Protein backbone atom coordinates (compact mmCIF):
# COMPACT_ATOMS: atom_id res chain seq x y z
CA MET A 1 16.22 6.79 14.26
CA THR A 2 13.61 4.43 15.61
CA VAL A 3 10.92 2.38 13.25
CA GLY A 4 8.36 0.17 13.97
CA VAL A 5 8.21 -2.49 11.74
CA VAL A 6 5.01 -4.57 10.74
CA VAL A 7 5.60 -7.61 8.81
CA LEU A 8 2.05 -9.18 7.71
CA THR A 9 1.86 -13.11 6.89
CA GLN A 10 -0.65 -15.84 6.66
CA GLY A 11 2.10 -18.26 7.67
CA THR A 12 2.32 -19.98 4.45
CA ARG A 13 5.93 -18.64 3.29
CA PRO A 14 8.15 -19.57 6.32
CA GLU A 15 11.18 -19.39 4.33
CA GLU A 16 10.12 -15.93 2.60
CA LEU A 17 9.33 -14.43 6.07
CA ALA A 18 12.50 -15.49 7.71
CA ALA A 19 14.30 -13.80 4.82
CA GLY A 20 12.35 -10.62 5.18
CA ILE A 21 12.84 -10.61 8.85
CA ALA A 22 16.47 -11.17 8.51
CA SER A 23 16.98 -8.34 6.15
CA VAL A 24 15.31 -5.99 8.93
CA GLN A 25 17.33 -7.22 11.29
CA ALA A 26 20.42 -6.43 9.59
CA GLN A 27 19.48 -2.58 8.92
CA ARG A 28 22.00 -0.19 10.09
CA ASP A 29 21.60 3.32 11.95
CA VAL A 30 18.20 2.60 13.17
CA SER A 31 16.32 0.80 15.83
CA CYS A 32 13.63 -1.45 14.85
CA ASP A 33 10.54 -2.57 17.00
CA VAL A 34 9.26 -5.31 14.93
CA VAL A 35 6.05 -7.33 14.99
CA VAL A 36 4.95 -10.34 12.58
CA VAL A 37 0.99 -10.14 12.35
CA GLY A 38 -0.52 -13.67 11.66
CA ASN A 39 -3.43 -12.99 10.00
CA GLY A 40 -5.35 -16.35 10.65
CA TRP A 41 -2.20 -17.75 11.99
CA GLN A 42 -0.27 -17.82 15.18
CA PRO A 43 3.33 -16.74 14.34
CA THR A 44 5.89 -19.27 15.87
CA GLY A 45 9.73 -19.67 15.41
CA LEU A 46 10.51 -15.84 15.42
CA PRO A 47 13.97 -14.66 15.99
CA GLU A 48 14.74 -13.14 19.29
CA GLY A 49 13.45 -9.73 19.84
CA VAL A 50 10.79 -9.79 17.33
CA ARG A 51 7.14 -10.41 18.57
CA GLY A 52 4.35 -12.12 16.97
CA LEU A 53 0.73 -11.39 16.99
CA GLY A 54 -1.68 -13.92 16.25
CA LEU A 55 -5.29 -13.29 14.63
CA ASP A 56 -7.69 -15.92 14.82
CA GLU A 57 -8.99 -15.46 11.45
CA ASN A 58 -7.77 -13.47 8.14
CA ILE A 59 -9.27 -9.97 8.99
CA GLY A 60 -7.68 -8.82 5.38
CA ILE A 61 -4.42 -7.03 4.68
CA PRO A 62 -5.02 -3.46 5.80
CA ALA A 63 -6.77 -4.39 8.98
CA GLY A 64 -4.13 -6.97 9.61
CA ARG A 65 -1.31 -4.08 9.20
CA ASN A 66 -3.40 -1.76 11.47
CA ARG A 67 -3.45 -4.13 14.28
CA GLY A 68 0.44 -4.41 13.87
CA ALA A 69 0.70 -0.64 13.63
CA ASP A 70 -0.89 -0.43 17.23
CA LEU A 71 1.96 -2.56 18.86
CA VAL A 72 5.09 -0.84 17.20
CA SER A 73 6.70 2.18 18.37
CA GLY A 74 8.95 4.59 16.66
CA GLU A 75 9.22 8.00 15.01
CA TYR A 76 8.71 6.12 11.48
CA ILE A 77 6.60 3.22 10.64
CA PHE A 78 7.77 0.32 8.11
CA PHE A 79 5.18 -1.83 6.27
CA LEU A 80 6.75 -5.16 4.97
CA ASP A 81 4.63 -8.01 3.40
CA ASP A 82 6.12 -11.23 4.31
CA ASP A 83 7.42 -12.23 0.48
CA ALA A 84 9.22 -9.01 0.22
CA THR A 85 13.07 -8.43 1.41
CA VAL A 86 15.17 -5.17 1.30
CA PRO A 87 18.41 -6.07 0.03
CA SER A 88 20.51 -2.95 1.47
CA GLU A 89 21.72 -2.88 5.07
CA THR A 90 21.10 0.93 4.52
CA PHE A 91 17.25 0.75 3.08
CA LEU A 92 15.66 2.08 6.19
CA ILE A 93 17.86 5.14 6.99
CA ASP A 94 18.02 5.88 3.28
CA ALA A 95 14.36 6.07 3.09
CA ILE A 96 14.33 8.09 6.30
CA ASP A 97 16.96 10.50 4.83
CA VAL A 98 14.74 10.99 1.69
CA MET A 99 11.83 12.37 4.17
CA ARG A 100 14.41 14.43 6.28
CA ARG A 101 16.06 16.19 3.29
CA SER A 102 12.39 17.01 2.11
CA PRO A 103 9.92 17.37 5.28
CA ASP A 104 7.06 17.54 2.85
CA ILE A 105 7.45 13.91 1.69
CA GLY A 106 5.13 11.87 3.96
CA LEU A 107 5.57 8.30 2.13
CA VAL A 108 8.11 6.51 0.51
CA GLN A 109 7.79 3.48 -1.89
CA PRO A 110 10.83 2.16 -3.23
CA ARG A 111 11.72 0.34 -6.59
CA LEU A 112 10.47 -3.25 -6.27
CA GLU A 113 11.95 -5.87 -8.63
CA ASP A 114 12.28 -9.73 -8.42
CA ALA A 115 15.64 -10.65 -6.43
CA ALA A 116 15.98 -13.77 -8.90
CA ASP A 117 16.10 -12.10 -12.26
CA GLY A 118 15.20 -8.41 -11.63
CA ARG A 119 11.70 -8.36 -13.21
CA ALA A 120 9.08 -6.10 -12.31
CA PRO A 121 5.32 -5.41 -13.82
CA ARG A 122 5.07 -1.93 -15.11
CA ARG A 123 2.22 -1.69 -12.66
CA TRP A 124 4.68 -1.39 -9.85
CA ILE A 125 5.77 2.07 -11.05
CA PRO A 126 2.83 3.89 -9.58
CA ARG A 127 2.44 6.24 -12.32
CA ILE A 128 0.60 6.73 -15.29
CA ARG A 129 3.59 7.92 -17.53
CA LYS A 130 5.71 4.92 -16.24
CA GLY A 131 9.23 5.94 -17.87
CA GLU A 132 12.36 4.40 -16.13
CA SER A 133 11.65 2.49 -13.10
CA THR A 134 14.86 4.14 -11.66
CA ARG A 135 13.23 7.65 -12.04
CA SER A 136 11.79 9.06 -8.76
CA SER A 137 8.63 11.15 -8.63
CA ASN A 138 5.35 12.12 -6.95
CA ILE A 139 2.86 9.30 -6.89
CA PHE A 140 -0.73 9.15 -6.21
CA SER A 141 -1.10 5.52 -4.93
CA CYS A 142 1.25 3.03 -3.82
CA LEU A 143 2.30 -0.61 -3.77
CA GLU A 144 1.84 -1.59 -0.35
CA ALA A 145 4.06 -4.22 -0.09
CA VAL A 146 7.03 -1.99 0.99
CA ILE A 147 6.22 1.21 2.48
CA VAL A 148 8.01 3.89 5.01
CA MET A 149 6.30 6.63 6.26
CA PRO A 150 6.47 9.30 9.73
CA ARG A 151 4.24 7.51 12.16
CA ALA A 152 2.52 10.82 12.89
CA VAL A 153 1.65 10.86 9.07
CA PHE A 154 0.35 7.58 9.33
CA ASN A 155 -1.78 8.31 12.50
CA ALA A 156 -3.11 11.30 10.68
CA CYS A 157 -4.24 9.42 7.62
CA GLY A 158 -6.27 7.29 10.01
CA GLY A 159 -4.26 4.02 9.28
CA TRP A 160 -5.13 1.63 6.50
CA GLY A 161 -8.89 1.19 5.44
CA ASP A 162 -9.81 -1.77 7.26
CA GLU A 163 -13.12 -2.22 5.05
CA TYR A 164 -11.02 -2.87 1.84
CA PHE A 165 -9.98 -6.38 3.04
CA TYR A 166 -7.52 -6.28 -0.15
CA ALA A 167 -7.01 -3.88 -3.04
CA HIS A 168 -6.96 0.05 -3.28
CA GLU A 169 -6.08 0.90 0.16
CA GLY A 170 -2.81 1.75 -1.20
CA ILE A 171 -4.43 4.77 -3.30
CA GLU A 172 -6.58 5.99 -0.45
CA ILE A 173 -3.50 6.18 2.05
CA ALA A 174 -1.51 8.18 -0.79
CA TRP A 175 -4.53 10.31 -1.32
CA ARG A 176 -4.77 11.07 2.56
CA VAL A 177 -1.08 11.59 2.52
CA TRP A 178 -1.35 14.44 0.04
CA ASP A 179 -4.50 15.81 1.96
CA GLN A 180 -2.42 16.58 4.80
CA GLY A 181 -0.12 18.90 2.73
CA LYS A 182 2.61 16.28 1.92
CA ARG A 183 3.62 14.43 -0.89
CA ALA A 184 3.61 10.66 -1.78
CA TRP A 185 6.97 9.74 -3.32
CA TYR A 186 8.33 6.84 -5.64
CA SER A 187 12.38 6.53 -4.76
CA GLY A 188 13.48 4.88 -8.16
CA ASP A 189 16.76 4.71 -6.26
CA LEU A 190 15.88 2.56 -3.54
CA VAL A 191 15.27 -1.17 -4.18
CA ALA A 192 13.13 -3.91 -2.24
CA ASN A 193 12.85 -7.28 -3.49
CA HIS A 194 9.28 -9.00 -4.46
CA PRO A 195 8.65 -11.89 -6.53
CA TYR A 196 7.00 -11.17 -9.93
CA VAL A 197 3.29 -11.94 -8.99
CA HIS A 198 -0.19 -11.20 -10.91
CA PRO A 199 -3.03 -9.84 -8.56
CA THR A 200 -5.41 -12.06 -10.68
CA ARG A 201 -4.04 -14.80 -8.41
CA HIS A 202 -6.39 -13.89 -5.58
CA SER A 203 -9.91 -15.46 -6.45
CA ASP A 204 -11.89 -12.29 -5.36
CA TYR A 205 -9.62 -9.54 -7.17
CA TYR A 206 -12.03 -8.65 -10.07
CA ARG A 207 -15.15 -7.96 -7.14
CA LEU A 208 -12.73 -6.39 -5.07
CA ASN A 209 -11.52 -4.30 -7.57
CA ALA A 210 -14.62 -3.08 -8.51
CA ARG A 211 -16.33 -2.85 -5.09
CA ASN A 212 -13.01 -0.87 -3.62
CA ARG A 213 -13.02 1.78 -6.71
CA VAL A 214 -16.56 2.66 -5.74
CA TRP A 215 -15.80 2.90 -1.84
CA LEU A 216 -12.53 4.65 -2.59
CA ALA A 217 -14.76 7.53 -4.15
CA ARG A 218 -17.50 7.38 -1.26
CA ARG A 219 -14.72 7.47 1.38
CA ASN A 220 -12.50 10.07 0.22
CA LEU A 221 -13.99 12.39 -2.69
CA PRO A 222 -16.31 15.32 -2.49
CA LEU A 223 -19.61 14.13 -3.48
CA ILE A 224 -19.61 15.77 -7.05
CA LEU A 225 -16.37 13.81 -7.90
CA GLN A 226 -17.41 10.50 -7.02
CA PRO A 227 -19.51 9.66 -10.04
CA VAL A 228 -16.65 11.12 -12.25
CA TYR A 229 -14.22 9.17 -10.66
CA VAL A 230 -16.21 5.69 -10.86
CA GLY A 231 -17.35 6.51 -14.40
CA SER A 232 -13.72 7.02 -15.46
CA TRP A 233 -12.67 3.61 -14.26
CA THR A 234 -15.88 1.95 -15.50
CA ALA A 235 -14.99 3.18 -19.10
CA ILE A 236 -11.59 2.12 -18.68
CA THR A 237 -12.67 -1.38 -17.36
CA LEU A 238 -14.88 -1.89 -20.26
CA LEU A 239 -12.27 -1.02 -22.89
CA ARG A 240 -9.57 -3.34 -21.15
CA TRP A 241 -12.10 -6.57 -20.89
CA TRP A 242 -14.81 -6.04 -23.21
CA ARG A 243 -14.33 -9.27 -24.71
CA LYS A 244 -14.13 -11.19 -21.43
CA ARG A 245 -17.96 -11.61 -20.54
CA ASP A 246 -17.40 -13.86 -17.35
CA VAL A 247 -14.83 -10.95 -15.90
CA LEU A 248 -16.95 -8.16 -16.77
CA ALA A 249 -20.29 -9.94 -14.89
CA VAL A 250 -17.86 -10.62 -11.69
CA TRP A 251 -16.60 -6.92 -11.95
CA PHE A 252 -19.83 -5.38 -12.21
CA ALA A 253 -21.25 -7.32 -9.51
CA GLY A 254 -18.45 -5.81 -7.38
CA TRP A 255 -19.49 -2.32 -8.63
CA ARG A 256 -22.95 -2.83 -7.77
CA GLU A 257 -21.96 -3.78 -4.31
CA GLY A 258 -19.88 -0.86 -3.91
CA TRP A 259 -22.70 1.24 -4.21
CA ARG A 260 -24.99 -0.68 -2.07
CA CYS A 261 -22.96 -1.39 1.07
CA SER A 262 -21.24 0.82 3.62
CA PRO A 263 -17.62 1.88 2.82
CA GLY A 264 -17.02 2.68 6.33
CA PRO A 265 -16.18 6.14 7.54
CA ARG A 266 -15.70 9.24 5.33
CA LYS A 267 -12.85 11.41 5.45
CA THR A 268 -13.48 14.03 2.40
CA MET A 269 -10.25 15.13 0.43
CA SER A 270 -10.21 19.07 0.49
CA TRP A 271 -10.58 20.97 -2.91
CA ARG A 272 -7.20 22.51 -1.97
CA THR A 273 -5.83 18.82 -1.97
CA ILE A 274 -7.32 18.44 -5.42
CA PHE A 275 -5.97 21.18 -7.02
CA ARG A 276 -2.32 20.51 -5.57
CA MET A 277 -2.84 16.95 -7.05
CA ALA A 278 -3.96 17.95 -10.29
CA ALA A 279 -0.96 20.76 -10.48
CA ALA A 280 1.42 17.90 -9.83
CA GLY A 281 0.13 15.72 -12.34
CA ARG A 282 -2.98 13.55 -11.57
CA PRO A 283 -6.14 14.86 -10.42
CA PRO A 284 -8.05 12.39 -8.43
CA ILE A 285 -10.80 11.53 -10.89
CA VAL A 286 -8.74 8.93 -12.86
């Protein structure tokens, strides 16, 4: 099997980056075409056989991944963040086997846990009813740090949404996998390592969280469902953070930005997909 591998980095974690690349180069039974995308950084000191793509500025996470995807070849594509590793030497072939056994699976996210102590926040299990992290299931969003897809499916999705910069691009790509008549899948028996972190470490988290929720609806949902989706998340946000006036002020500023500014090109989800997703457990309104 041939796999195009895109590793995204800003060059601030050289030891973690080296470990991630080494875990890719250790993979068995696959041939990997690896590129390291430096988002505002010129990659240096890369191992033999690994190419670098330096971008003059940080153009955002999804756009950086897309630039790397343009350069790699392979029947499958693997996205890996610079602070993630895959501990098993058969990780990639195992993920590919999931999709070969079930050809209607178009995206695989593994179980993520901290390599140091096995910790993992519940939000890393991308489903409403979390349950055991080892249980596999359909999913309707994904944690983008470690993702394997057939290249044809990724291309049909239109790639990652450049406009998002950060946050919710993993929901969109999962939705678009479903819109191809396929499924996004969480493989609880596949493990990748990622440090235990909080999304609020990003200074723009609350603003982009709100703006991108609105953009997600405007880019993907039929017009009649857009206010339903945005309204449900507005209600959830008010329930979560009603005591944090400063947080809500920033969040609603992003919310207004989402309606005022262009979200980029639309690719409206079909009603058939909406009914499939609802039958599978999560209609795209929550």
